[in-house]
Structures are given as C-alpha cells and as structure tokens.
Amino acid sequence: MNKQSLLSAFRYAFQGLSAFIRTDRNGRIHIGAALLAVAGGFFFSISAVEWCLVLFCCGLVCCTEMLNHALEKLCDAVHPEKHPLIKQAKDVAAAAVLFASLISAITGLIIFLPKFISLL
C-alpha cells in the first residue's frame, strides 16, 4: 500500500465517522455516554485495568452501533421495501448493540458504583 492510498483510507474512515455522527442519533447518544464514562474515569482516578475495561466497552458499543448503522443503510439501499429477512438482519444488528450496551453498563456499574457510593 503506497502512502497516498493509506492517506485515502484514513480520509474515507474519517468521512464515515463524520457521516455517522451527523446522521445517527443513537450513535451520538453512545458517543456522549462514552465521553461521560471517560470523564468519570478521570474524576475517580480509575486504575489502568479499569481504564482498559472502560475504553474497551466504549469502543465495543460505538463499533457495534457503527456496524448497525452501516448494515441498516446497506439493507435500505439493496431492498428499500419491507422484507422479513431484511427486518431480521436489522433486528439482529440492533440486538448486538443492545447486548454490547448492557454488558458495558454492567461493567460501568462494577467499576463506578463503589467509587460513587464511597463519596456519599
């Protein structure tokens, strides 16, 4: 891969990220939650292992939401009218986001809840 194609790949990736942020409401919510988790990490001075878990969870949720968004757009372009298999594909992709979000929320509670309670 030459330097120009590598730069193009990064440019396309940032264009995709920009389109995702501009057009996906749930994506903006997940990014906002990730920023709150990072702020909480700084506030509570979490450990390196906790940082790894928080960042992994934030990345997991945002990535699954981006893949869900991409799959929805592809499905809409390929088969704009309602179809049971398209619905199932979209539902499963949404379930992946839900599952990642639930696991991340539980991880966040395990990390942050004891720290928050100790403030009270």
Protein backbone atom coordinates (compact mmCIF):
# COMPACT_ATOMS: atom_id res chain seq x y z
CA MET A 1 0.00 0.00 0.00
CA ASN A 2 1.51 3.30 -1.01
CA LYS A 3 1.44 6.47 1.07
CA GLN A 4 -1.34 8.04 -0.99
CA SER A 5 -3.68 5.05 -0.67
CA LEU A 6 -3.00 4.91 3.08
CA LEU A 7 -3.94 8.58 3.40
CA SER A 8 -7.06 7.95 1.31
CA ALA A 9 -8.06 5.08 3.59
CA PHE A 10 -7.79 7.35 6.63
CA ARG A 11 -9.70 10.11 4.84
CA TYR A 12 -12.53 7.70 3.96
CA ALA A 13 -12.63 6.40 7.52
CA PHE A 14 -12.92 9.94 8.92
CA GLN A 15 -15.62 10.74 6.35
CA GLY A 16 -17.50 7.68 7.57
CA LEU A 17 -17.10 8.74 11.19
CA SER A 18 -18.32 12.22 10.33
CA ALA A 19 -21.36 10.86 8.46
CA PHE A 20 -22.13 8.54 11.36
CA ILE A 21 -22.02 11.36 13.91
CA ARG A 22 -24.11 13.67 11.72
CA THR A 23 -26.81 11.14 10.84
CA ASP A 24 -27.13 8.59 13.66
CA ARG A 25 -28.93 9.84 16.77
CA ASN A 26 -28.23 6.67 18.74
CA GLY A 27 -24.58 6.92 17.77
CA ARG A 28 -24.40 10.42 19.23
CA ILE A 29 -26.01 9.11 22.41
CA HIS A 30 -23.44 6.31 22.66
CA ILE A 31 -20.55 8.69 22.00
CA GLY A 32 -21.92 11.02 24.68
CA ALA A 33 -22.14 8.12 27.14
CA ALA A 34 -18.56 7.16 26.28
CA LEU A 35 -17.39 10.71 26.96
CA LEU A 36 -19.20 10.65 30.32
CA ALA A 37 -17.51 7.33 31.17
CA VAL A 38 -14.11 8.80 30.30
CA ALA A 39 -14.85 11.89 32.39
CA GLY A 40 -15.87 9.58 35.24
CA GLY A 41 -12.60 7.73 34.84
CA PHE A 42 -10.65 10.94 35.29
CA PHE A 43 -12.84 12.09 38.17
CA PHE A 44 -12.47 8.82 40.09
CA SER A 45 -8.84 8.19 39.08
CA ILE A 46 -9.57 4.66 37.95
CA SER A 47 -6.77 2.09 37.66
CA ALA A 48 -5.07 1.07 34.42
CA VAL A 49 -7.07 -2.16 34.27
CA GLU A 50 -10.30 -0.23 34.84
CA TRP A 51 -9.29 2.21 32.07
CA CYS A 52 -8.77 -0.73 29.73
CA LEU A 53 -12.22 -2.09 30.55
CA VAL A 54 -13.94 1.29 30.22
CA LEU A 55 -12.24 2.09 26.91
CA PHE A 56 -12.88 -1.41 25.56
CA CYS A 57 -16.57 -1.14 26.44
CA CYS A 58 -16.85 2.33 24.92
CA GLY A 59 -15.19 1.11 21.74
CA LEU A 60 -17.32 -2.02 21.62
CA VAL A 61 -20.60 -0.13 21.90
CA CYS A 62 -19.59 2.56 19.40
CA CYS A 63 -18.28 -0.01 16.91
CA THR A 64 -21.42 -2.15 17.12
CA GLU A 65 -23.56 0.96 16.65
CA MET A 66 -21.50 1.95 13.59
CA LEU A 67 -21.84 -1.55 12.10
CA ASN A 68 -25.58 -1.49 12.84
CA HIS A 69 -25.85 1.89 11.10
CA ALA A 70 -23.89 0.64 8.08
CA LEU A 71 -25.98 -2.53 7.82
CA GLU A 72 -29.22 -0.54 8.00
CA LYS A 73 -28.09 1.80 5.22
CA LEU A 74 -26.95 -1.14 3.06
CA CYS A 75 -30.23 -3.00 3.62
CA ASP A 76 -32.25 0.10 2.75
CA ALA A 77 -30.25 0.59 -0.46
CA VAL A 78 -30.43 -3.04 -1.56
CA HIS A 79 -34.05 -3.73 -0.63
CA PRO A 80 -35.97 -0.49 0.14
CA GLU A 81 -39.35 -2.19 0.59
CA LYS A 82 -40.17 -4.26 3.66
CA HIS A 83 -38.85 -7.81 3.65
CA PRO A 84 -38.81 -10.31 6.54
CA LEU A 85 -35.13 -11.22 6.08
CA ILE A 86 -34.07 -7.57 5.94
CA LYS A 87 -36.08 -6.94 9.11
CA GLN A 88 -34.41 -9.88 10.80
CA ALA A 89 -30.93 -8.68 9.79
CA LYS A 90 -31.66 -5.20 11.13
CA ASP A 91 -33.15 -6.59 14.34
CA VAL A 92 -30.15 -8.83 14.99
CA ALA A 93 -27.76 -5.93 14.39
CA ALA A 94 -29.76 -3.79 16.83
CA ALA A 95 -29.67 -6.66 19.33
CA ALA A 96 -25.86 -6.71 19.05
CA VAL A 97 -25.80 -3.04 20.06
CA LEU A 98 -28.21 -3.72 22.91
CA PHE A 99 -26.12 -6.63 24.17
CA ALA A 100 -22.86 -4.64 23.99
CA SER A 101 -24.58 -1.73 25.77
CA LEU A 102 -25.94 -3.92 28.57
CA ILE A 103 -22.56 -5.60 29.17
CA SER A 104 -20.90 -2.18 29.14
CA ALA A 105 -23.44 -0.74 31.57
CA ILE A 106 -22.85 -3.64 33.96
CA THR A 107 -19.09 -3.17 33.64
CA GLY A 108 -19.53 0.54 34.34
CA LEU A 109 -21.61 -0.20 37.43
CA ILE A 110 -18.98 -2.64 38.73
CA ILE A 111 -16.25 -0.03 38.26
CA PHE A 112 -18.01 3.21 39.18
CA LEU A 113 -20.76 2.34 41.65
CA PRO A 114 -18.44 1.53 44.58
CA LYS A 115 -16.45 4.70 43.90
CA PHE A 116 -19.64 6.77 43.76
CA ILE A 117 -21.00 5.21 46.96
CA SER A 118 -17.75 5.97 48.78
CA LEU A 119 -18.31 9.68 48.01
CA LEU A 120 -21.62 9.63 49.87
